[in-house]
PDB file of N, CA and C in Angstrom:
ATOM      1  N   MET A   1     -53.491  -5.750 -44.505  1.00  0.00           N
ATOM      2  CA  MET A   1     -52.394  -6.585 -44.970  1.00  0.00           C
ATOM      3  C   MET A   1     -51.388  -6.782 -43.841  1.00  0.00           C
ATOM      4  N   TRP A   2     -50.264  -7.323 -44.136  1.00  0.00           N
ATOM      5  CA  TRP A   2     -49.260  -7.605 -43.113  1.00  0.00           C
ATOM      6  C   TRP A   2     -48.131  -6.594 -43.135  1.00  0.00           C
ATOM      7  N   ASP A   3     -47.272  -6.676 -42.110  1.00  0.00           N
ATOM      8  CA  ASP A   3     -46.169  -5.726 -42.002  1.00  0.00           C
ATOM      9  C   ASP A   3     -44.936  -6.208 -42.780  1.00  0.00           C
ATOM     10  N   GLN A   4     -43.943  -5.337 -42.863  1.00  0.00           N
ATOM     11  CA  GLN A   4     -42.734  -5.622 -43.644  1.00  0.00           C
ATOM     12  C   GLN A   4     -41.931  -6.788 -43.068  1.00  0.00           C
ATOM     13  N   ARG A   5     -41.915  -6.908 -41.747  1.00  0.00           N
ATOM     14  CA  ARG A   5     -41.179  -8.030 -41.131  1.00  0.00           C
ATOM     15  C   ARG A   5     -41.754  -9.357 -41.595  1.00  0.00           C
ATOM     16  N   PHE A   6     -43.081  -9.459 -41.593  1.00  0.00           N
ATOM     17  CA  PHE A   6     -43.743 -10.685 -42.032  1.00  0.00           C
ATOM     18  C   PHE A   6     -43.427 -10.967 -43.496  1.00  0.00           C
ATOM     19  N   ASP A   7     -43.489  -9.931 -44.315  1.00  0.00           N
ATOM     20  CA  ASP A   7     -43.203 -10.075 -45.738  1.00  0.00           C
ATOM     21  C   ASP A   7     -41.785 -10.613 -45.950  1.00  0.00           C
ATOM     22  N   SER A   8     -40.826 -10.077 -45.243  1.00  0.00           N
ATOM     23  CA  SER A   8     -39.433 -10.515 -45.379  1.00  0.00           C
ATOM     24  C   SER A   8     -39.252 -11.964 -44.953  1.00  0.00           C
ATOM     25  N   ILE A   9     -39.836 -12.319 -43.807  1.00  0.00           N
ATOM     26  CA  ILE A   9     -39.716 -13.698 -43.318  1.00  0.00           C
ATOM     27  C   ILE A   9     -40.402 -14.663 -44.281  1.00  0.00           C
ATOM     28  N   LEU A  10     -41.558 -14.269 -44.767  1.00  0.00           N
ATOM     29  CA  LEU A  10     -42.300 -15.100 -45.710  1.00  0.00           C
ATOM     30  C   LEU A  10     -41.466 -15.357 -46.971  1.00  0.00           C
ATOM     31  N   ARG A  11     -40.884 -14.312 -47.523  1.00  0.00           N
ATOM     32  CA  ARG A  11     -40.072 -14.445 -48.739  1.00  0.00           C
ATOM     33  C   ARG A  11     -38.858 -15.343 -48.526  1.00  0.00           C
ATOM     34  N   GLU A  12     -38.273 -15.307 -47.343  1.00  0.00           N
ATOM     35  CA  GLU A  12     -37.125 -16.170 -47.041  1.00  0.00           C
ATOM     36  C   GLU A  12     -37.491 -17.652 -47.122  1.00  0.00           C
ATOM     37  N   HIS A  13     -38.769 -17.950 -46.968  1.00  0.00           N
ATOM     38  CA  HIS A  13     -39.227 -19.337 -46.947  1.00  0.00           C
ATOM     39  C   HIS A  13     -39.967 -19.740 -48.221  1.00  0.00           C
ATOM     40  N   MET A  14     -39.864 -18.916 -49.259  1.00  0.00           N
ATOM     41  CA  MET A  14     -40.518 -19.192 -50.539  1.00  0.00           C
ATOM     42  C   MET A  14     -39.458 -19.297 -51.629  1.00  0.00           C
ATOM     43  N   PRO A  15     -38.930 -20.489 -51.853  1.00  0.00           N
ATOM     44  CA  PRO A  15     -37.825 -20.648 -52.799  1.00  0.00           C
ATOM     45  C   PRO A  15     -38.181 -20.322 -54.249  1.00  0.00           C
ATOM     46  N   ASP A  16     -39.431 -20.437 -54.614  1.00  0.00           N
ATOM     47  CA  ASP A  16     -39.838 -20.195 -56.003  1.00  0.00           C
ATOM     48  C   ASP A  16     -40.251 -18.745 -56.255  1.00  0.00           C
ATOM     49  N   MET A  17     -40.170 -17.898 -55.242  1.00  0.00           N
ATOM     50  CA  MET A  17     -40.628 -16.514 -55.354  1.00  0.00           C
ATOM     51  C   MET A  17     -39.456 -15.598 -55.682  1.00  0.00           C
ATOM     52  N   ALA A  18     -39.583 -14.839 -56.762  1.00  0.00           N
ATOM     53  CA  ALA A  18     -38.561 -13.845 -57.099  1.00  0.00           C
ATOM     54  C   ALA A  18     -38.712 -12.647 -56.165  1.00  0.00           C
ATOM     55  N   VAL A  19     -37.636 -11.937 -55.955  1.00  0.00           N
ATOM     56  CA  VAL A  19     -37.615 -10.817 -55.008  1.00  0.00           C
ATOM     57  C   VAL A  19     -38.682  -9.779 -55.324  1.00  0.00           C
ATOM     58  N   ASP A  20     -38.904  -9.510 -56.603  1.00  0.00           N
ATOM     59  CA  ASP A  20     -39.853  -8.460 -56.973  1.00  0.00           C
ATOM     60  C   ASP A  20     -41.266  -8.973 -57.246  1.00  0.00           C
ATOM     61  N   ASP A  21     -41.497 -10.282 -57.077  1.00  0.00           N
ATOM     62  CA  ASP A  21     -42.837 -10.841 -57.267  1.00  0.00           C
ATOM     63  C   ASP A  21     -43.760 -10.416 -56.130  1.00  0.00           C
ATOM     64  N   ALA A  22     -44.989 -10.112 -56.481  1.00  0.00           N
ATOM     65  CA  ALA A  22     -45.997  -9.809 -55.456  1.00  0.00           C
ATOM     66  C   ALA A  22     -46.473 -11.125 -54.852  1.00  0.00           C
ATOM     67  N   ILE A  23     -46.689 -11.110 -53.555  1.00  0.00           N
ATOM     68  CA  ILE A  23     -47.201 -12.299 -52.874  1.00  0.00           C
ATOM     69  C   ILE A  23     -48.719 -12.222 -52.871  1.00  0.00           C
ATOM     70  N   SER A  24     -49.345 -13.241 -53.437  1.00  0.00           N
ATOM     71  CA  SER A  24     -50.799 -13.305 -53.440  1.00  0.00           C
ATOM     72  C   SER A  24     -51.267 -13.786 -52.068  1.00  0.00           C
ATOM     73  N   PRO A  25     -52.048 -12.985 -51.357  1.00  0.00           N
ATOM     74  CA  PRO A  25     -52.426 -13.328 -49.990  1.00  0.00           C
ATOM     75  C   PRO A  25     -53.152 -14.661 -49.837  1.00  0.00           C
ATOM     76  N   ASN A  26     -53.916 -15.056 -50.851  1.00  0.00           N
ATOM     77  CA  ASN A  26     -54.740 -16.254 -50.721  1.00  0.00           C
ATOM     78  C   ASN A  26     -54.220 -17.459 -51.487  1.00  0.00           C
ATOM     79  N   GLU A  27     -53.043 -17.335 -52.071  1.00  0.00           N
ATOM     80  CA  GLU A  27     -52.480 -18.468 -52.800  1.00  0.00           C
ATOM     81  C   GLU A  27     -51.992 -19.523 -51.814  1.00  0.00           C
ATOM     82  N   GLU A  28     -52.228 -20.787 -52.148  1.00  0.00           N
ATOM     83  CA  GLU A  28     -51.811 -21.863 -51.250  1.00  0.00           C
ATOM     84  C   GLU A  28     -50.296 -21.931 -51.173  1.00  0.00           C
ATOM     85  N   MET A  29     -49.797 -22.135 -49.967  1.00  0.00           N
ATOM     86  CA  MET A  29     -48.355 -22.161 -49.731  1.00  0.00           C
ATOM     87  C   MET A  29     -47.674 -23.242 -50.585  1.00  0.00           C
ATOM     88  N   ALA A  30     -48.308 -24.378 -50.763  1.00  0.00           N
ATOM     89  CA  ALA A  30     -47.715 -25.453 -51.559  1.00  0.00           C
ATOM     90  C   ALA A  30     -47.476 -25.003 -52.995  1.00  0.00           C
ATOM     91  N   SER A  31     -48.381 -24.205 -53.545  1.00  0.00           N
ATOM     92  CA  SER A  31     -48.212 -23.734 -54.918  1.00  0.00           C
ATOM     93  C   SER A  31     -47.104 -22.685 -55.026  1.00  0.00           C
ATOM     94  N   LEU A  32     -46.682 -22.152 -53.874  1.00  0.00           N
ATOM     95  CA  LEU A  32     -45.584 -21.187 -53.840  1.00  0.00           C
ATOM     96  C   LEU A  32     -44.244 -21.872 -53.584  1.00  0.00           C
ATOM     97  N   GLY A  33     -44.250 -23.206 -53.605  1.00  0.00           N
ATOM     98  CA  GLY A  33     -43.016 -23.967 -53.427  1.00  0.00           C
ATOM     99  C   GLY A  33     -42.631 -24.205 -51.980  1.00  0.00           C
ATOM    100  N   VAL A  34     -43.559 -23.979 -51.065  1.00  0.00           N
ATOM    101  CA  VAL A  34     -43.265 -24.140 -49.646  1.00  0.00           C
ATOM    102  C   VAL A  34     -43.591 -25.570 -49.204  1.00  0.00           C
ATOM    103  N   THR A  35     -42.575 -26.265 -48.736  1.00  0.00           N
ATOM    104  CA  THR A  35     -42.730 -27.651 -48.263  1.00  0.00           C
ATOM    105  C   THR A  35     -43.086 -27.649 -46.776  1.00  0.00           C
ATOM    106  N   SER A  36     -43.376 -28.823 -46.252  1.00  0.00           N
ATOM    107  CA  SER A  36     -43.691 -28.925 -44.820  1.00  0.00           C
ATOM    108  C   SER A  36     -42.487 -28.525 -43.970  1.00  0.00           C
ATOM    109  N   MET A  37     -41.290 -28.834 -44.412  1.00  0.00           N
ATOM    110  CA  MET A  37     -40.093 -28.438 -43.661  1.00  0.00           C
ATOM    111  C   MET A  37     -39.917 -26.913 -43.684  1.00  0.00           C
ATOM    112  N   LEU A  38     -40.210 -26.297 -44.815  1.00  0.00           N
ATOM    113  CA  LEU A  38     -40.142 -24.835 -44.894  1.00  0.00           C
ATOM    114  C   LEU A  38     -41.217 -24.189 -44.022  1.00  0.00           C
ATOM    115  N   LEU A  39     -42.407 -24.822 -43.950  1.00  0.00           N
ATOM    116  CA  LEU A  39     -43.461 -24.296 -43.084  1.00  0.00           C
ATOM    117  C   LEU A  39     -43.041 -24.355 -41.619  1.00  0.00           C
ATOM    118  N   LEU A  40     -42.387 -25.435 -41.234  1.00  0.00           N
ATOM    119  CA  LEU A  40     -41.898 -25.552 -39.864  1.00  0.00           C
ATOM    120  C   LEU A  40     -40.866 -24.466 -39.574  1.00  0.00           C
ATOM    121  N   SER A  41     -39.951 -24.261 -40.501  1.00  0.00           N
ATOM    122  CA  SER A  41     -38.941 -23.213 -40.349  1.00  0.00           C
ATOM    123  C   SER A  41     -39.592 -21.833 -40.300  1.00  0.00           C
ATOM    124  N   LEU A  42     -40.602 -21.619 -41.131  1.00  0.00           N
ATOM    125  CA  LEU A  42     -41.343 -20.351 -41.140  1.00  0.00           C
ATOM    126  C   LEU A  42     -42.018 -20.124 -39.797  1.00  0.00           C
ATOM    127  N   MET A  43     -42.668 -21.148 -39.264  1.00  0.00           N
ATOM    128  CA  MET A  43     -43.340 -21.026 -37.977  1.00  0.00           C
ATOM    129  C   MET A  43     -42.342 -20.641 -36.878  1.00  0.00           C
ATOM    130  N   LEU A  44     -41.193 -21.289 -36.852  1.00  0.00           N
ATOM    131  CA  LEU A  44     -40.177 -20.992 -35.841  1.00  0.00           C
ATOM    132  C   LEU A  44     -39.649 -19.568 -35.993  1.00  0.00           C
ATOM    133  N   ALA A  45     -39.444 -19.137 -37.229  1.00  0.00           N
ATOM    134  CA  ALA A  45     -38.974 -17.769 -37.471  1.00  0.00           C
ATOM    135  C   ALA A  45     -40.008 -16.742 -37.012  1.00  0.00           C
ATOM    136  N   LEU A  46     -41.276 -17.032 -37.261  1.00  0.00           N
ATOM    137  CA  LEU A  46     -42.336 -16.114 -36.833  1.00  0.00           C
ATOM    138  C   LEU A  46     -42.439 -16.066 -35.315  1.00  0.00           C
ATOM    139  N   GLN A  47     -42.287 -17.209 -34.674  1.00  0.00           N
ATOM    140  CA  GLN A  47     -42.306 -17.239 -33.208  1.00  0.00           C
ATOM    141  C   GLN A  47     -41.196 -16.370 -32.639  1.00  0.00           C
ATOM    142  N   ASP A  48     -40.008 -16.493 -33.207  1.00  0.00           N
ATOM    143  CA  ASP A  48     -38.878 -15.691 -32.737  1.00  0.00           C
ATOM    144  C   ASP A  48     -39.089 -14.203 -32.999  1.00  0.00           C
ATOM    145  N   GLU A  49     -39.506 -13.868 -34.197  1.00  0.00           N
ATOM    146  CA  GLU A  49     -39.651 -12.462 -34.575  1.00  0.00           C
ATOM    147  C   GLU A  49     -40.742 -11.749 -33.782  1.00  0.00           C
ATOM    148  N   TYR A  50     -41.877 -12.411 -33.615  1.00  0.00           N
ATOM    149  CA  TYR A  50     -43.022 -11.763 -32.976  1.00  0.00           C
ATOM    150  C   TYR A  50     -43.180 -12.139 -31.499  1.00  0.00           C
ATOM    151  N   GLU A  51     -42.257 -12.936 -30.984  1.00  0.00           N
ATOM    152  CA  GLU A  51     -42.294 -13.366 -29.588  1.00  0.00           C
ATOM    153  C   GLU A  51     -43.645 -13.969 -29.223  1.00  0.00           C
ATOM    154  N   ILE A  52     -44.054 -14.930 -30.052  1.00  0.00           N
ATOM    155  CA  ILE A  52     -45.309 -15.663 -29.845  1.00  0.00           C
ATOM    156  C   ILE A  52     -44.990 -17.144 -29.827  1.00  0.00           C
ATOM    157  N   ARG A  53     -45.958 -17.938 -29.439  1.00  0.00           N
ATOM    158  CA  ARG A  53     -45.846 -19.391 -29.509  1.00  0.00           C
ATOM    159  C   ARG A  53     -47.124 -19.929 -30.129  1.00  0.00           C
ATOM    160  N   PHE A  54     -46.964 -20.764 -31.150  1.00  0.00           N
ATOM    161  CA  PHE A  54     -48.112 -21.421 -31.759  1.00  0.00           C
ATOM    162  C   PHE A  54     -48.501 -22.600 -30.867  1.00  0.00           C
ATOM    163  N   PRO A  55     -49.684 -22.559 -30.251  1.00  0.00           N
ATOM    164  CA  PRO A  55     -50.108 -23.694 -29.439  1.00  0.00           C
ATOM    165  C   PRO A  55     -50.454 -24.886 -30.338  1.00  0.00           C
ATOM    166  N   MET A  56     -50.501 -26.060 -29.754  1.00  0.00           N
ATOM    167  CA  MET A  56     -50.776 -27.273 -30.532  1.00  0.00           C
ATOM    168  C   MET A  56     -52.063 -27.157 -31.346  1.00  0.00           C
ATOM    169  N   ASP A  57     -53.090 -26.545 -30.779  1.00  0.00           N
ATOM    170  CA  ASP A  57     -54.362 -26.467 -31.509  1.00  0.00           C
ATOM    171  C   ASP A  57     -54.310 -25.501 -32.699  1.00  0.00           C
ATOM    172  N   ALA A  58     -53.255 -24.702 -32.810  1.00  0.00           N
ATOM    173  CA  ALA A  58     -53.091 -23.803 -33.959  1.00  0.00           C
ATOM    174  C   ALA A  58     -52.285 -24.461 -35.071  1.00  0.00           C
ATOM    175  N   LEU A  59     -51.714 -25.619 -34.794  1.00  0.00           N
ATOM    176  CA  LEU A  59     -50.883 -26.309 -35.789  1.00  0.00           C
ATOM    177  C   LEU A  59     -51.747 -27.183 -36.686  1.00  0.00           C
ATOM    178  N   VAL A  60     -52.606 -26.528 -37.422  1.00  0.00           N
ATOM    179  CA  VAL A  60     -53.518 -27.203 -38.343  1.00  0.00           C
ATOM    180  C   VAL A  60     -53.335 -26.614 -39.741  1.00  0.00           C
ATOM    181  N   GLU A  61     -53.726 -27.386 -40.717  1.00  0.00           N
ATOM    182  CA  GLU A  61     -53.542 -26.981 -42.110  1.00  0.00           C
ATOM    183  C   GLU A  61     -54.171 -25.621 -42.414  1.00  0.00           C
ATOM    184  N   GLU A  62     -55.328 -25.350 -41.856  1.00  0.00           N
ATOM    185  CA  GLU A  62     -56.021 -24.096 -42.140  1.00  0.00           C
ATOM    186  C   GLU A  62     -55.190 -22.879 -41.726  1.00  0.00           C
ATOM    187  N   SER A  63     -54.430 -23.014 -40.649  1.00  0.00           N
ATOM    188  CA  SER A  63     -53.619 -21.891 -40.170  1.00  0.00           C
ATOM    189  C   SER A  63     -52.451 -21.570 -41.096  1.00  0.00           C
ATOM    190  N   PHE A  64     -52.007 -22.569 -41.851  1.00  0.00           N
ATOM    191  CA  PHE A  64     -50.815 -22.418 -42.690  1.00  0.00           C
ATOM    192  C   PHE A  64     -51.108 -22.605 -44.175  1.00  0.00           C
ATOM    193  N   ARG A  65     -52.358 -22.473 -44.555  1.00  0.00           N
ATOM    194  CA  ARG A  65     -52.759 -22.710 -45.951  1.00  0.00           C
ATOM    195  C   ARG A  65     -52.247 -21.639 -46.910  1.00  0.00           C
ATOM    196  N   SER A  66     -52.267 -20.373 -46.476  1.00  0.00           N
ATOM    197  CA  SER A  66     -51.909 -19.264 -47.366  1.00  0.00           C
ATOM    198  C   SER A  66     -51.209 -18.178 -46.546  1.00  0.00           C
ATOM    199  N   PRO A  67     -50.559 -17.239 -47.224  1.00  0.00           N
ATOM    200  CA  PRO A  67     -49.949 -16.125 -46.489  1.00  0.00           C
ATOM    201  C   PRO A  67     -50.949 -15.383 -45.600  1.00  0.00           C
ATOM    202  N   SER A  68     -52.158 -15.166 -46.096  1.00  0.00           N
ATOM    203  CA  SER A  68     -53.136 -14.429 -45.286  1.00  0.00           C
ATOM    204  C   SER A  68     -53.586 -15.228 -44.070  1.00  0.00           C
ATOM    205  N   SER A  69     -53.742 -16.550 -44.197  1.00  0.00           N
ATOM    206  CA  SER A  69     -54.154 -17.346 -43.037  1.00  0.00           C
ATOM    207  C   SER A  69     -53.041 -17.391 -41.989  1.00  0.00           C
ATOM    208  N   ILE A  70     -51.796 -17.409 -42.440  1.00  0.00           N
ATOM    209  CA  ILE A  70     -50.673 -17.390 -41.498  1.00  0.00           C
ATOM    210  C   ILE A  70     -50.633 -16.045 -40.780  1.00  0.00           C
ATOM    211  N   TRP A  71     -50.810 -14.957 -41.525  1.00  0.00           N
ATOM    212  CA  TRP A  71     -50.797 -13.633 -40.904  1.00  0.00           C
ATOM    213  C   TRP A  71     -51.935 -13.490 -39.890  1.00  0.00           C
ATOM    214  N   LEU A  72     -53.116 -14.003 -40.221  1.00  0.00           N
ATOM    215  CA  LEU A  72     -54.234 -13.948 -39.277  1.00  0.00           C
ATOM    216  C   LEU A  72     -53.901 -14.703 -37.996  1.00  0.00           C
ATOM    217  N   ALA A  73     -53.243 -15.849 -38.130  1.00  0.00           N
ATOM    218  CA  ALA A  73     -52.841 -16.629 -36.954  1.00  0.00           C
ATOM    219  C   ALA A  73     -51.827 -15.844 -36.124  1.00  0.00           C
ATOM    220  N   VAL A  74     -50.851 -15.231 -36.789  1.00  0.00           N
ATOM    221  CA  VAL A  74     -49.832 -14.434 -36.079  1.00  0.00           C
ATOM    222  C   VAL A  74     -50.494 -13.277 -35.334  1.00  0.00           C
ATOM    223  N   GLU A  75     -51.354 -12.542 -35.994  1.00  0.00           N
ATOM    224  CA  GLU A  75     -52.033 -11.408 -35.367  1.00  0.00           C
ATOM    225  C   GLU A  75     -52.875 -11.846 -34.177  1.00  0.00           C
ATOM    226  N   SER A  76     -53.582 -12.941 -34.331  1.00  0.00           N
ATOM    227  CA  SER A  76     -54.405 -13.458 -33.240  1.00  0.00           C
ATOM    228  C   SER A  76     -53.542 -13.856 -32.044  1.00  0.00           C
ATOM    229  N   LEU A  77     -52.431 -14.522 -32.309  1.00  0.00           N
ATOM    230  CA  LEU A  77     -51.535 -14.934 -31.233  1.00  0.00           C
ATOM    231  C   LEU A  77     -50.870 -13.729 -30.573  1.00  0.00           C
ATOM    232  N   ARG A  78     -50.507 -12.751 -31.353  1.00  0.00           N
ATOM    233  CA  ARG A  78     -49.899 -11.542 -30.780  1.00  0.00           C
ATOM    234  C   ARG A  78     -50.868 -10.873 -29.814  1.00  0.00           C
ATOM    235  N   GLU A  79     -52.123 -10.806 -30.210  1.00  0.00           N
ATOM    236  CA  GLU A  79     -53.131 -10.179 -29.360  1.00  0.00           C
ATOM    237  C   GLU A  79     -53.387 -11.005 -28.097  1.00  0.00           C
ATOM    238  N   SER A  80     -53.572 -12.296 -28.258  1.00  0.00           N
ATOM    239  CA  SER A  80     -53.907 -13.132 -27.100  1.00  0.00           C
ATOM    240  C   SER A  80     -52.727 -13.352 -26.168  1.00  0.00           C
ATOM    241  N   GLN A  81     -51.517 -13.372 -26.712  1.00  0.00           N
ATOM    242  CA  GLN A  81     -50.352 -13.653 -25.880  1.00  0.00           C
ATOM    243  C   GLN A  81     -49.692 -12.397 -25.335  1.00  0.00           C
ATOM    244  N   SER A  82     -50.160 -11.233 -25.726  1.00  0.00           N
ATOM    245  CA  SER A  82     -49.558 -10.001 -25.225  1.00  0.00           C
ATOM    246  C   SER A  82     -50.185  -9.567 -23.906  1.00  0.00           C
ATOM    247  N   ARG A  83     -51.346 -10.116 -23.595  1.00  0.00           N
ATOM    248  CA  ARG A  83     -52.011  -9.763 -22.341  1.00  0.00           C
ATOM    249  C   ARG A  83     -51.393 -10.538 -21.192  1.00  0.00           C
ATOM    250  N   PRO A  84     -51.144  -9.882 -20.065  1.00  0.00           N
ATOM    251  CA  PRO A  84     -50.631 -10.613 -18.907  1.00  0.00           C
ATOM    252  C   PRO A  84     -51.671 -11.622 -18.430  1.00  0.00           C
ATOM    253  N   ARG A  85     -51.208 -12.774 -18.030  1.00  0.00           N
ATOM    254  CA  ARG A  85     -52.116 -13.792 -17.530  1.00  0.00           C
ATOM    255  C   ARG A  85     -52.498 -13.466 -16.095  1.00  0.00           C
ATOM    256  N   PRO A  86     -53.760 -13.698 -15.719  1.00  0.00           N
ATOM    257  CA  PRO A  86     -54.201 -13.411 -14.355  1.00  0.00           C
ATOM    258  C   PRO A  86     -53.331 -14.166 -13.344  1.00  0.00           C
ATOM    259  N   GLY A  87     -52.978 -13.488 -12.266  1.00  0.00           N
ATOM    260  CA  GLY A  87     -52.208 -14.117 -11.211  1.00  0.00           C
ATOM    261  C   GLY A  87     -50.710 -14.059 -11.413  1.00  0.00           C
ATOM    262  N   LEU A  88     -50.254 -13.528 -12.554  1.00  0.00           N
ATOM    263  CA  LEU A  88     -48.824 -13.435 -12.803  1.00  0.00           C
ATOM    264  C   LEU A  88     -48.390 -11.977 -12.792  1.00  0.00           C
ATOM    265  N   HIS A  89     -47.149 -11.745 -12.463  1.00  0.00           N
ATOM    266  CA  HIS A  89     -46.594 -10.404 -12.575  1.00  0.00           C
ATOM    267  C   HIS A  89     -46.550 -10.020 -14.051  1.00  0.00           C
ATOM    268  N   SER A  90     -46.388  -8.760 -14.329  1.00  0.00           N
ATOM    269  CA  SER A  90     -46.377  -8.297 -15.715  1.00  0.00           C
ATOM    270  C   SER A  90     -45.250  -8.923 -16.532  1.00  0.00           C
ATOM    271  N   ASP A  91     -44.173  -9.389 -15.871  1.00  0.00           N
ATOM    272  CA  ASP A  91     -43.080 -10.037 -16.598  1.00  0.00           C
ATOM    273  C   ASP A  91     -43.275 -11.548 -16.720  1.00  0.00           C
ATOM    274  N   GLY A  92     -44.446 -12.060 -16.314  1.00  0.00           N
ATOM    275  CA  GLY A  92     -44.757 -13.472 -16.457  1.00  0.00           C
ATOM    276  C   GLY A  92     -44.381 -14.341 -15.268  1.00  0.00           C
ATOM    277  N   ARG A  93     -43.741 -13.745 -14.249  1.00  0.00           N
ATOM    278  CA  ARG A  93     -43.360 -14.526 -13.066  1.00  0.00           C
ATOM    279  C   ARG A  93     -44.582 -14.795 -12.200  1.00  0.00           C
ATOM    280  N   ALA A  94     -44.544 -15.919 -11.526  1.00  0.00           N
ATOM    281  CA  ALA A  94     -45.598 -16.232 -10.565  1.00  0.00           C
ATOM    282  C   ALA A  94     -45.435 -15.330  -9.348  1.00  0.00           C
ATOM    283  N   PRO A  95     -46.524 -14.991  -8.659  1.00  0.00           N
ATOM    284  CA  PRO A  95     -46.431 -14.074  -7.524  1.00  0.00           C
ATOM    285  C   PRO A  95     -45.519 -14.565  -6.408  1.00  0.00           C
ATOM    286  N   TRP A  96     -45.342 -15.852  -6.273  1.00  0.00           N
ATOM    287  CA  TRP A  96     -44.523 -16.399  -5.200  1.00  0.00           C
ATOM    288  C   TRP A  96     -43.047 -16.539  -5.581  1.00  0.00           C
ATOM    289  N   SER A  97     -42.700 -16.240  -6.857  1.00  0.00           N
ATOM    290  CA  SER A  97     -41.291 -16.382  -7.266  1.00  0.00           C
ATOM    291  C   SER A  97     -40.475 -15.192  -6.754  1.00  0.00           C
ATOM    292  N   CYS A  98     -39.199 -15.420  -6.572  1.00  0.00           N
ATOM    293  CA  CYS A  98     -38.337 -14.361  -6.033  1.00  0.00           C
ATOM    294  C   CYS A  98     -37.806 -13.441  -7.117  1.00  0.00           C
ATOM    295  N   GLY A  99     -38.068 -13.741  -8.386  1.00  0.00           N
ATOM    296  CA  GLY A  99     -37.669 -12.852  -9.462  1.00  0.00           C
ATOM    297  C   GLY A  99     -36.241 -12.994  -9.910  1.00  0.00           C
ATOM    298  N   ARG A 100     -35.601 -14.060  -9.564  1.00  0.00           N
ATOM    299  CA  ARG A 100     -34.199 -14.249  -9.958  1.00  0.00           C
ATOM    300  C   ARG A 100     -34.080 -15.225 -11.076  1.00  0.00           C
TER     301      ARG A 100
END
């Protein structure tokens, strides 16, 4: 399942969800009252919280269909984006940059 941070952010973007309601992992976001504008806000909040970026090819309906599909996308991005890119310093700077 997902962590508490994800659960909190998800609930902030579900206007029809009561605080004590359980979130069904596979329920479609639209049936939970989440609009396209709320999905955009959710994506931005997740990017900020987890320090990830959703690439253009991840911005598809399948990635945002349900809470579980969103969590899978977040986990995948966290794993792929946490590795240093070849040729860059561990802080993401190019080898020729002066670091300022």
